[in-house]
Amino acid sequence: MTRSLVTLRAAERGDAPFLADLWSDALRRVDFPEQVADLERIIEAAAASPHQRLVVADYDGQPAGAVLLKVTTVTSLNLEPALQVLSPHVAPAFRRHGIGRMLMECAATFAEESGVPQVCTAVAAGSRDGNRFMARLALGPLATYRVAPVTAVRARLAAQRPTALVATPTGSGRQLSKVLAARRSMRRAQPSTPPSS
C-alpha cells in the first residue's frame, strides 16, 4: 500500500508568506509585508470561528496549496446556506498531484459537517484549467462576478449619460431647462396644419 504524499492541516501564522505568494492575484494590491499581515489576520479569524477553515495542503512536507472555507449564504439576497470555497489554489510546481481534488474533498466534508447543502466557488474568468476542473466537479456557473475601480465606473456612467440630462455641478439642471425651452419654441414656430377633411 502506497502512502499519500498529500496531507491537509489548518493554516498557521507561519504560513502567511506562502499564502501571500500563492494568492497574490486574489489579494489587495499592497506591498508584500502588508499582504502577509492581512493573511495573518485571516488565519487568526479562521482559527477562532467555527464557520471558517483555512486549510493548507502539504506535499511531502512542503506547502503546496490552500483554500479558505466559509459557511455563509449563496448570496446576500439568497439566504440558502452555502459553503464558499475561496481561492482553492495549488502552487504551479505541485499541480497534477491530486492536491486540488483533496482541497475540494475537504470542502465537501466541511459542508457536510456544517449541514450546508451547497458549495460555491469563484474561478478566474481566464483560468481555463480551473473552470474545467470545477465543471468536472459538478459546479456550474451562477453569475459573472465583475470588479472595477469606482473612478472607472463613475467615468463610464458619465460618458453614457444623455447630454440633455446632465446637470450642472450645482445640480440646478440649467442645461436640461434650456433644451426643454428650445423644444417648446420649435413647436410654437411650426405652422399649425388644418385638420384634414
C-alpha atoms as a PDB file:
ATOM      1  CA  MET A   1       0.000   0.000   0.000  1.00  0.00           C
ATOM      2  CA  THR A   2       1.461   3.394  -1.017  1.00  0.00           C
ATOM      3  CA  ARG A   3       1.457   6.302   1.404  1.00  0.00           C
ATOM      4  CA  SER A   4      -0.209   9.503   0.156  1.00  0.00           C
ATOM      5  CA  LEU A   5       2.256  12.370  -0.093  1.00  0.00           C
ATOM      6  CA  VAL A   6      -0.536  14.930   0.412  1.00  0.00           C
ATOM      7  CA  THR A   7      -1.646  15.953   3.912  1.00  0.00           C
ATOM      8  CA  LEU A   8      -4.143  18.634   4.908  1.00  0.00           C
ATOM      9  CA  ARG A   9      -3.867  20.809   8.008  1.00  0.00           C
ATOM     10  CA  ALA A  10      -5.143  24.058   9.484  1.00  0.00           C
ATOM     11  CA  ALA A  11      -3.133  27.092   8.444  1.00  0.00           C
ATOM     12  CA  GLU A  12      -0.721  28.557  10.985  1.00  0.00           C
ATOM     13  CA  ARG A  13       0.616  32.075  11.324  1.00  0.00           C
ATOM     14  CA  GLY A  14       3.923  30.970   9.773  1.00  0.00           C
ATOM     15  CA  ASP A  15       2.059  30.016   6.564  1.00  0.00           C
ATOM     16  CA  ALA A  16       1.205  33.656   5.820  1.00  0.00           C
ATOM     17  CA  PRO A  17       4.187  34.324   3.474  1.00  0.00           C
ATOM     18  CA  PHE A  18       3.452  31.135   1.496  1.00  0.00           C
ATOM     19  CA  LEU A  19      -0.232  32.091   1.248  1.00  0.00           C
ATOM     20  CA  ALA A  20       0.598  35.656   0.194  1.00  0.00           C
ATOM     21  CA  ASP A  21       2.681  34.259  -2.653  1.00  0.00           C
ATOM     22  CA  LEU A  22       0.090  31.600  -3.579  1.00  0.00           C
ATOM     23  CA  TRP A  23      -2.853  34.033  -3.550  1.00  0.00           C
ATOM     24  CA  SER A  24      -1.045  37.116  -4.880  1.00  0.00           C
ATOM     25  CA  ASP A  25      -3.633  37.548  -7.660  1.00  0.00           C
ATOM     26  CA  ALA A  26      -6.539  37.489  -5.184  1.00  0.00           C
ATOM     27  CA  LEU A  27      -5.163  39.835  -2.505  1.00  0.00           C
ATOM     28  CA  ARG A  28      -5.383  43.599  -2.296  1.00  0.00           C
ATOM     29  CA  ARG A  29      -2.695  45.473  -4.208  1.00  0.00           C
ATOM     30  CA  VAL A  30      -0.293  46.475  -1.450  1.00  0.00           C
ATOM     31  CA  ASP A  31       3.302  45.643  -0.545  1.00  0.00           C
ATOM     32  CA  PHE A  32       4.116  42.008   0.246  1.00  0.00           C
ATOM     33  CA  PRO A  33       4.579  42.628   4.027  1.00  0.00           C
ATOM     34  CA  GLU A  34       1.082  44.162   4.176  1.00  0.00           C
ATOM     35  CA  GLN A  35      -0.349  41.148   2.318  1.00  0.00           C
ATOM     36  CA  VAL A  36       1.359  38.872   4.853  1.00  0.00           C
ATOM     37  CA  ALA A  37      -0.153  40.921   7.700  1.00  0.00           C
ATOM     38  CA  ASP A  38      -3.597  40.632   6.076  1.00  0.00           C
ATOM     39  CA  LEU A  39      -3.208  36.868   5.871  1.00  0.00           C
ATOM     40  CA  GLU A  40      -2.079  36.611   9.491  1.00  0.00           C
ATOM     41  CA  ARG A  41      -5.377  38.293  10.465  1.00  0.00           C
ATOM     42  CA  ILE A  42      -7.342  35.953   8.165  1.00  0.00           C
ATOM     43  CA  ILE A  43      -5.589  32.901   9.651  1.00  0.00           C
ATOM     44  CA  GLU A  44      -6.420  34.069  13.186  1.00  0.00           C
ATOM     45  CA  ALA A  45     -10.058  34.775  12.274  1.00  0.00           C
ATOM     46  CA  ALA A  46     -10.456  31.351  10.651  1.00  0.00           C
ATOM     47  CA  ALA A  47      -8.928  29.609  13.660  1.00  0.00           C
ATOM     48  CA  ALA A  48     -11.315  31.408  16.020  1.00  0.00           C
ATOM     49  CA  SER A  49     -14.504  30.762  14.036  1.00  0.00           C
ATOM     50  CA  PRO A  50     -16.490  27.516  13.842  1.00  0.00           C
ATOM     51  CA  HIS A  51     -17.791  28.720  10.458  1.00  0.00           C
ATOM     52  CA  GLN A  52     -14.402  29.061   8.772  1.00  0.00           C
ATOM     53  CA  ARG A  53     -11.400  26.918   7.973  1.00  0.00           C
ATOM     54  CA  LEU A  54      -8.203  27.904   6.259  1.00  0.00           C
ATOM     55  CA  VAL A  55      -6.675  24.653   5.024  1.00  0.00           C
ATOM     56  CA  VAL A  56      -3.120  24.182   3.757  1.00  0.00           C
ATOM     57  CA  ALA A  57      -2.174  21.151   1.672  1.00  0.00           C
ATOM     58  CA  ASP A  58       1.368  19.862   2.146  1.00  0.00           C
ATOM     59  CA  TYR A  59       3.019  17.672  -0.460  1.00  0.00           C
ATOM     60  CA  ASP A  60       5.801  15.553   1.021  1.00  0.00           C
ATOM     61  CA  GLY A  61       6.164  18.075   3.856  1.00  0.00           C
ATOM     62  CA  GLN A  62       6.164  21.225   1.686  1.00  0.00           C
ATOM     63  CA  PRO A  63       3.226  23.648   1.492  1.00  0.00           C
ATOM     64  CA  ALA A  64       1.677  23.136  -1.933  1.00  0.00           C
ATOM     65  CA  GLY A  65      -1.849  24.553  -1.909  1.00  0.00           C
ATOM     66  CA  ALA A  66      -4.557  26.110   0.202  1.00  0.00           C
ATOM     67  CA  VAL A  67      -8.228  27.018   0.415  1.00  0.00           C
ATOM     68  CA  LEU A  68     -10.359  29.217   2.676  1.00  0.00           C
ATOM     69  CA  LEU A  69     -13.743  27.704   3.571  1.00  0.00           C
ATOM     70  CA  LYS A  70     -16.546  29.870   4.910  1.00  0.00           C
ATOM     71  CA  VAL A  71     -20.116  28.905   5.850  1.00  0.00           C
ATOM     72  CA  THR A  72     -22.444  31.677   4.681  1.00  0.00           C
ATOM     73  CA  THR A  73     -25.372  32.020   2.248  1.00  0.00           C
ATOM     74  CA  VAL A  74     -25.498  31.647  -1.546  1.00  0.00           C
ATOM     75  CA  THR A  75     -25.645  35.463  -1.864  1.00  0.00           C
ATOM     76  CA  SER A  76     -26.698  38.350   0.348  1.00  0.00           C
ATOM     77  CA  LEU A  77     -30.172  38.062  -1.202  1.00  0.00           C
ATOM     78  CA  ASN A  78     -30.421  34.260  -1.499  1.00  0.00           C
ATOM     79  CA  LEU A  79     -30.277  33.169   2.134  1.00  0.00           C
ATOM     80  CA  GLU A  80     -29.970  29.443   1.448  1.00  0.00           C
ATOM     81  CA  PRO A  81     -26.923  28.185   3.392  1.00  0.00           C
ATOM     82  CA  ALA A  82     -23.819  27.522   1.317  1.00  0.00           C
ATOM     83  CA  LEU A  83     -20.133  26.897   1.774  1.00  0.00           C
ATOM     84  CA  GLN A  84     -17.926  29.402  -0.005  1.00  0.00           C
ATOM     85  CA  VAL A  85     -14.769  27.736  -1.275  1.00  0.00           C
ATOM     86  CA  LEU A  86     -12.485  30.751  -1.560  1.00  0.00           C
ATOM     87  CA  SER A  87      -9.363  30.653  -3.724  1.00  0.00           C
ATOM     88  CA  PRO A  88      -8.631  26.936  -3.966  1.00  0.00           C
ATOM     89  CA  HIS A  89      -5.091  27.246  -5.343  1.00  0.00           C
ATOM     90  CA  VAL A  90      -2.256  24.815  -5.936  1.00  0.00           C
ATOM     91  CA  ALA A  91       1.303  26.080  -6.426  1.00  0.00           C
ATOM     92  CA  PRO A  92       2.439  25.544 -10.043  1.00  0.00           C
ATOM     93  CA  ALA A  93       5.238  23.134  -9.055  1.00  0.00           C
ATOM     94  CA  PHE A  94       2.724  20.813  -7.356  1.00  0.00           C
ATOM     95  CA  ARG A  95      -0.078  20.667  -9.915  1.00  0.00           C
ATOM     96  CA  ARG A  96      -1.334  17.326 -11.245  1.00  0.00           C
ATOM     97  CA  HIS A  97      -0.694  15.539  -7.937  1.00  0.00           C
ATOM     98  CA  GLY A  98      -4.314  15.403  -6.712  1.00  0.00           C
ATOM     99  CA  ILE A  99      -3.945  18.374  -4.367  1.00  0.00           C
ATOM    100  CA  GLY A 100      -6.838  20.368  -5.853  1.00  0.00           C
ATOM    101  CA  ARG A 101      -9.105  17.321  -5.577  1.00  0.00           C
ATOM    102  CA  MET A 102      -8.130  16.851  -1.924  1.00  0.00           C
ATOM    103  CA  LEU A 103      -8.832  20.525  -1.153  1.00  0.00           C
ATOM    104  CA  MET A 104     -12.289  20.166  -2.710  1.00  0.00           C
ATOM    105  CA  GLU A 105     -12.887  16.903  -0.789  1.00  0.00           C
ATOM    106  CA  CYS A 106     -12.049  18.823   2.378  1.00  0.00           C
ATOM    107  CA  ALA A 107     -14.592  21.481   1.356  1.00  0.00           C
ATOM    108  CA  ALA A 108     -17.306  18.863   0.756  1.00  0.00           C
ATOM    109  CA  THR A 109     -16.577  17.268   4.145  1.00  0.00           C
ATOM    110  CA  PHE A 110     -16.739  20.628   5.949  1.00  0.00           C
ATOM    111  CA  ALA A 111     -20.052  21.417   4.190  1.00  0.00           C
ATOM    112  CA  GLU A 112     -21.493  18.070   5.309  1.00  0.00           C
ATOM    113  CA  GLU A 113     -20.256  18.560   8.889  1.00  0.00           C
ATOM    114  CA  SER A 114     -21.833  22.037   8.911  1.00  0.00           C
ATOM    115  CA  GLY A 115     -25.149  20.819   7.485  1.00  0.00           C
ATOM    116  CA  VAL A 116     -24.758  23.036   4.429  1.00  0.00           C
ATOM    117  CA  PRO A 117     -26.456  21.771   1.236  1.00  0.00           C
ATOM    118  CA  GLN A 118     -24.462  23.723  -1.374  1.00  0.00           C
ATOM    119  CA  VAL A 119     -20.887  24.530  -2.268  1.00  0.00           C
ATOM    120  CA  CYS A 120     -19.979  27.628  -4.279  1.00  0.00           C
ATOM    121  CA  THR A 121     -16.695  28.979  -5.544  1.00  0.00           C
ATOM    122  CA  ALA A 122     -15.293  31.560  -7.918  1.00  0.00           C
ATOM    123  CA  VAL A 123     -12.746  30.827 -10.614  1.00  0.00           C
ATOM    124  CA  ALA A 124     -10.825  33.446 -12.573  1.00  0.00           C
ATOM    125  CA  ALA A 125     -12.575  34.001 -15.906  1.00  0.00           C
ATOM    126  CA  GLY A 126      -9.317  33.419 -17.793  1.00  0.00           C
ATOM    127  CA  SER A 127      -8.428  30.214 -15.952  1.00  0.00           C
ATOM    128  CA  ARG A 128      -9.375  27.541 -18.471  1.00  0.00           C
ATOM    129  CA  ASP A 129      -7.981  24.694 -16.349  1.00  0.00           C
ATOM    130  CA  GLY A 130      -9.656  26.000 -13.189  1.00  0.00           C
ATOM    131  CA  ASN A 131     -13.033  26.340 -14.889  1.00  0.00           C
ATOM    132  CA  ARG A 132     -12.777  22.865 -16.405  1.00  0.00           C
ATOM    133  CA  PHE A 133     -11.768  21.378 -13.039  1.00  0.00           C
ATOM    134  CA  MET A 134     -14.771  22.921 -11.285  1.00  0.00           C
ATOM    135  CA  ALA A 135     -17.121  21.859 -14.099  1.00  0.00           C
ATOM    136  CA  ARG A 136     -15.913  18.253 -13.721  1.00  0.00           C
ATOM    137  CA  LEU A 137     -16.888  18.502 -10.031  1.00  0.00           C
ATOM    138  CA  ALA A 138     -20.484  19.492 -10.995  1.00  0.00           C
ATOM    139  CA  LEU A 139     -20.052  23.204 -10.160  1.00  0.00           C
ATOM    140  CA  GLY A 140     -21.925  25.203 -12.781  1.00  0.00           C
ATOM    141  CA  PRO A 141     -21.885  28.944 -13.448  1.00  0.00           C
ATOM    142  CA  LEU A 142     -24.363  31.001 -11.425  1.00  0.00           C
ATOM    143  CA  ALA A 143     -23.152  34.535 -12.124  1.00  0.00           C
ATOM    144  CA  THR A 144     -20.259  36.515 -13.534  1.00  0.00           C
ATOM    145  CA  TYR A 145     -18.531  38.488 -10.778  1.00  0.00           C
ATOM    146  CA  ARG A 146     -17.107  41.712 -12.189  1.00  0.00           C
ATOM    147  CA  VAL A 147     -14.849  44.232 -10.467  1.00  0.00           C
ATOM    148  CA  ALA A 148     -13.683  47.748 -11.388  1.00  0.00           C
ATOM    149  CA  PRO A 149     -12.424  50.841  -9.562  1.00  0.00           C
ATOM    150  CA  VAL A 150     -15.184  53.280  -8.571  1.00  0.00           C
ATOM    151  CA  THR A 151     -13.495  56.040 -10.588  1.00  0.00           C
ATOM    152  CA  ALA A 152     -13.664  53.922 -13.759  1.00  0.00           C
ATOM    153  CA  VAL A 153     -17.346  53.104 -13.208  1.00  0.00           C
ATOM    154  CA  ARG A 154     -18.127  56.768 -12.485  1.00  0.00           C
ATOM    155  CA  ALA A 155     -16.321  57.881 -15.679  1.00  0.00           C
ATOM    156  CA  ARG A 156     -18.189  55.345 -17.819  1.00  0.00           C
ATOM    157  CA  LEU A 157     -21.530  56.324 -16.278  1.00  0.00           C
ATOM    158  CA  ALA A 158     -20.861  59.993 -17.004  1.00  0.00           C
ATOM    159  CA  ALA A 159     -19.849  59.203 -20.591  1.00  0.00           C
ATOM    160  CA  GLN A 160     -23.057  57.242 -21.206  1.00  0.00           C
ATOM    161  CA  ARG A 161     -25.388  59.776 -19.631  1.00  0.00           C
ATOM    162  CA  PRO A 162     -27.623  61.562 -22.185  1.00  0.00           C
ATOM    163  CA  THR A 163     -26.460  65.170 -22.570  1.00  0.00           C
ATOM    164  CA  ALA A 164     -29.978  66.508 -22.003  1.00  0.00           C
ATOM    165  CA  LEU A 165     -29.969  65.033 -18.521  1.00  0.00           C
ATOM    166  CA  VAL A 166     -26.556  66.288 -17.458  1.00  0.00           C
ATOM    167  CA  ALA A 167     -26.951  68.631 -14.530  1.00  0.00           C
ATOM    168  CA  THR A 168     -24.550  71.422 -13.750  1.00  0.00           C
ATOM    169  CA  PRO A 169     -22.160  70.936 -10.817  1.00  0.00           C
ATOM    170  CA  THR A 170     -24.578  72.867  -8.608  1.00  0.00           C
ATOM    171  CA  GLY A 171     -27.340  70.441  -9.523  1.00  0.00           C
ATOM    172  CA  SER A 172     -29.574  73.193 -10.946  1.00  0.00           C
ATOM    173  CA  GLY A 173     -30.226  71.396 -14.222  1.00  0.00           C
ATOM    174  CA  ARG A 174     -29.964  74.596 -16.291  1.00  0.00           C
ATOM    175  CA  GLN A 175     -28.873  72.686 -19.388  1.00  0.00           C
ATOM    176  CA  LEU A 176     -31.980  70.475 -19.226  1.00  0.00           C
ATOM    177  CA  SER A 177     -34.156  73.595 -18.858  1.00  0.00           C
ATOM    178  CA  LYS A 178     -32.527  75.144 -21.940  1.00  0.00           C
ATOM    179  CA  VAL A 179     -33.140  72.002 -24.005  1.00  0.00           C
ATOM    180  CA  LEU A 180     -36.805  71.850 -22.962  1.00  0.00           C
ATOM    181  CA  ALA A 181     -37.287  75.576 -23.675  1.00  0.00           C
ATOM    182  CA  ALA A 182     -35.755  75.158 -27.143  1.00  0.00           C
ATOM    183  CA  ARG A 183     -38.134  72.276 -27.902  1.00  0.00           C
ATOM    184  CA  ARG A 184     -41.158  74.361 -26.821  1.00  0.00           C
ATOM    185  CA  SER A 185     -40.001  77.243 -29.069  1.00  0.00           C
ATOM    186  CA  MET A 186     -39.632  74.880 -32.031  1.00  0.00           C
ATOM    187  CA  ARG A 187     -43.166  73.546 -31.512  1.00  0.00           C
ATOM    188  CA  ARG A 188     -44.614  77.084 -31.398  1.00  0.00           C
ATOM    189  CA  ALA A 189     -42.709  78.077 -34.533  1.00  0.00           C
ATOM    190  CA  GLN A 190     -44.173  75.196 -36.560  1.00  0.00           C
ATOM    191  CA  PRO A 191     -47.217  76.252 -38.631  1.00  0.00           C
ATOM    192  CA  SER A 192     -50.377  74.621 -37.494  1.00  0.00           C
ATOM    193  CA  THR A 193     -51.810  72.271 -40.098  1.00  0.00           C
ATOM    194  CA  PRO A 194     -55.542  72.437 -40.741  1.00  0.00           C
ATOM    195  CA  PRO A 195     -57.418  69.273 -39.913  1.00  0.00           C
ATOM    196  CA  SER A 196     -57.925  67.080 -42.991  1.00  0.00           C
ATOM    197  CA  SER A 197     -61.496  66.707 -44.153  1.00  0.00           C
END
